[in-house]
C-alpha atoms as a PDB file:
ATOM      1  CA  UNK A   1    -262.399-130.107  93.668  1.00  0.00           C
ATOM      2  CA  UNK A   2    -260.049-128.723  91.040  1.00  0.00           C
ATOM      3  CA  UNK A   3    -261.302-125.775  88.995  1.00  0.00           C
ATOM      4  CA  UNK A   4    -260.733-126.347  85.279  1.00  0.00           C
ATOM      5  CA  UNK A   5    -260.437-123.208  83.191  1.00  0.00           C
ATOM      6  CA  UNK A   6    -260.925-124.952  79.857  1.00  0.00           C
ATOM      7  CA  UNK A   7    -263.545-127.598  79.040  1.00  0.00           C
ATOM      8  CA  UNK A   8    -262.552-131.102  77.983  1.00  0.00           C
ATOM      9  CA  UNK A   9    -262.983-130.566  74.198  1.00  0.00           C
ATOM     10  CA  UNK A  10    -260.658-127.536  74.252  1.00  0.00           C
ATOM     11  CA  UNK A  11    -257.996-129.490  76.144  1.00  0.00           C
ATOM     12  CA  UNK A  12    -258.412-132.461  73.794  1.00  0.00           C
ATOM     13  CA  UNK A  13    -257.992-130.240  70.714  1.00  0.00           C
ATOM     14  CA  UNK A  14    -254.959-128.563  72.278  1.00  0.00           C
ATOM     15  CA  UNK A  15    -253.092-131.775  73.089  1.00  0.00           C
ATOM     16  CA  UNK A  16    -254.004-133.342  69.757  1.00  0.00           C
ATOM     17  CA  UNK A  17    -252.504-130.301  68.059  1.00  0.00           C
ATOM     18  CA  UNK A  18    -249.354-130.517  70.199  1.00  0.00           C
ATOM     19  CA  UNK A  19    -248.865-134.193  69.330  1.00  0.00           C
ATOM     20  CA  UNK A  20    -249.526-133.574  65.619  1.00  0.00           C
ATOM     21  CA  UNK A  21    -247.179-130.605  65.333  1.00  0.00           C
ATOM     22  CA  UNK A  22    -244.375-132.417  67.173  1.00  0.00           C
ATOM     23  CA  UNK A  23    -244.845-135.482  64.979  1.00  0.00           C
ATOM     24  CA  UNK A  24    -244.836-133.330  61.841  1.00  0.00           C
ATOM     25  CA  UNK A  25    -241.674-131.612  63.044  1.00  0.00           C
ATOM     26  CA  UNK A  26    -239.863-134.868  63.738  1.00  0.00           C
ATOM     27  CA  UNK A  27    -240.941-136.621  60.541  1.00  0.00           C
ATOM     28  CA  UNK A  28    -240.162-133.478  58.523  1.00  0.00           C
ATOM     29  CA  UNK A  29    -236.677-133.290  59.995  1.00  0.00           C
ATOM     30  CA  UNK A  30    -236.195-136.971  59.268  1.00  0.00           C
ATOM     31  CA  UNK A  31    -237.285-136.513  55.652  1.00  0.00           C
ATOM     32  CA  UNK A  32    -235.066-133.483  55.126  1.00  0.00           C
ATOM     33  CA  UNK A  33    -231.911-135.114  56.499  1.00  0.00           C
ATOM     34  CA  UNK A  34    -231.990-138.747  57.528  1.00  0.00           C
ATOM     35  CA  UNK A  35    -229.597-139.508  60.399  1.00  0.00           C
ATOM     36  CA  UNK A  36    -227.061-142.240  59.673  1.00  0.00           C
ATOM     37  CA  UNK A  37    -227.850-144.154  62.854  1.00  0.00           C
ATOM     38  CA  UNK A  38    -231.596-144.213  62.190  1.00  0.00           C
ATOM     39  CA  UNK A  39    -232.390-146.250  59.108  1.00  0.00           C
ATOM     40  CA  UNK A  40    -236.154-146.304  58.674  1.00  0.00           C
ATOM     41  CA  UNK A  41    -237.880-146.618  55.309  1.00  0.00           C
ATOM     42  CA  UNK A  42    -238.575-143.212  53.801  1.00  0.00           C
ATOM     43  CA  UNK A  43    -241.920-144.474  52.519  1.00  0.00           C
ATOM     44  CA  UNK A  44    -243.140-145.072  56.077  1.00  0.00           C
ATOM     45  CA  UNK A  45    -241.974-141.640  57.198  1.00  0.00           C
ATOM     46  CA  UNK A  46    -243.772-139.985  54.277  1.00  0.00           C
ATOM     47  CA  UNK A  47    -246.959-141.849  55.165  1.00  0.00           C
ATOM     48  CA  UNK A  48    -246.626-140.838  58.822  1.00  0.00           C
ATOM     49  CA  UNK A  49    -245.980-137.232  57.843  1.00  0.00           C
ATOM     50  CA  UNK A  50    -249.043-137.148  55.617  1.00  0.00           C
ATOM     51  CA  UNK A  51    -251.194-138.887  58.229  1.00  0.00           C
ATOM     52  CA  UNK A  52    -250.250-136.420  60.947  1.00  0.00           C
ATOM     53  CA  UNK A  53    -250.941-133.584  58.552  1.00  0.00           C
ATOM     54  CA  UNK A  54    -254.451-134.957  58.037  1.00  0.00           C
ATOM     55  CA  UNK A  55    -254.898-135.299  61.798  1.00  0.00           C
ATOM     56  CA  UNK A  56    -253.897-131.656  62.170  1.00  0.00           C
ATOM     57  CA  UNK A  57    -256.398-130.549  59.508  1.00  0.00           C
ATOM     58  CA  UNK A  58    -259.181-132.670  61.068  1.00  0.00           C
ATOM     59  CA  UNK A  59    -258.314-131.213  64.467  1.00  0.00           C
ATOM     60  CA  UNK A  60    -258.613-127.675  63.101  1.00  0.00           C
ATOM     61  CA  UNK A  61    -261.968-128.506  61.501  1.00  0.00           C
ATOM     62  CA  UNK A  62    -263.144-129.953  64.815  1.00  0.00           C
ATOM     63  CA  UNK A  63    -262.047-126.834  66.673  1.00  0.00           C
ATOM     64  CA  UNK A  64    -263.870-124.554  64.235  1.00  0.00           C
ATOM     65  CA  UNK A  65    -267.014-126.669  64.502  1.00  0.00           C
ATOM     66  CA  UNK A  66    -266.823-126.700  68.317  1.00  0.00           C
ATOM     67  CA  UNK A  67    -266.399-122.944  68.647  1.00  0.00           C
ATOM     68  CA  UNK A  68    -269.162-122.151  66.130  1.00  0.00           C
ATOM     69  CA  UNK A  69    -271.552-124.757  67.580  1.00  0.00           C
ATOM     70  CA  UNK A  70    -271.093-123.571  71.182  1.00  0.00           C
ATOM     71  CA  UNK A  71    -271.076-119.892  70.222  1.00  0.00           C
ATOM     72  CA  UNK A  72    -267.711-119.346  71.915  1.00  0.00           C
ATOM     73  CA  UNK A  73    -265.964-118.202  68.735  1.00  0.00           C
ATOM     74  CA  UNK A  74    -265.728-114.695  70.204  1.00  0.00           C
ATOM     75  CA  UNK A  75    -263.210-116.102  72.719  1.00  0.00           C
ATOM     76  CA  UNK A  76    -260.697-116.862  69.989  1.00  0.00           C
ATOM     77  CA  UNK A  77    -261.228-113.973  67.580  1.00  0.00           C
ATOM     78  CA  UNK A  78    -258.533-111.344  67.506  1.00  0.00           C
ATOM     79  CA  UNK A  79    -260.227-107.965  67.427  1.00  0.00           C
ATOM     80  CA  UNK A  80    -258.723-104.485  67.012  1.00  0.00           C
ATOM     81  CA  UNK A  81    -259.461-103.715  70.668  1.00  0.00           C
ATOM     82  CA  UNK A  82    -257.279-106.676  71.626  1.00  0.00           C
ATOM     83  CA  UNK A  83    -254.244-105.201  69.946  1.00  0.00           C
ATOM     84  CA  UNK A  84    -252.020-103.389  72.350  1.00  0.00           C
ATOM     85  CA  UNK A  85    -250.480-100.304  70.858  1.00  0.00           C
ATOM     86  CA  UNK A  86    -246.854-100.292  71.838  1.00  0.00           C
ATOM     87  CA  UNK A  87    -245.302 -96.888  71.676  1.00  0.00           C
ATOM     88  CA  UNK A  88    -241.704 -97.226  72.671  1.00  0.00           C
ATOM     89  CA  UNK A  89    -240.167 -93.800  72.648  1.00  0.00           C
ATOM     90  CA  UNK A  90    -242.815 -92.320  70.348  1.00  0.00           C
ATOM     91  CA  UNK A  91    -244.820 -89.257  71.224  1.00  0.00           C
END
């Protein structure tokens, strides 16, 4: 049996975020400079870009709800004790 370190909802949120960010990156690049060889309607790309932005926002809301509902929000909070003090050459 394989030991899973992260529960299914966390993995789902992670991969949804990966897909959304990559889609936003690609549609954003397309909108900023359309390649000559790829002639797609700009209207469709704008709709896709907006839709993936909404998916990203809904995903974030789902993550916040999940972590608050399960009480695991302390796993993702960045606290002062988590900050490593890097002293390179300082005394």
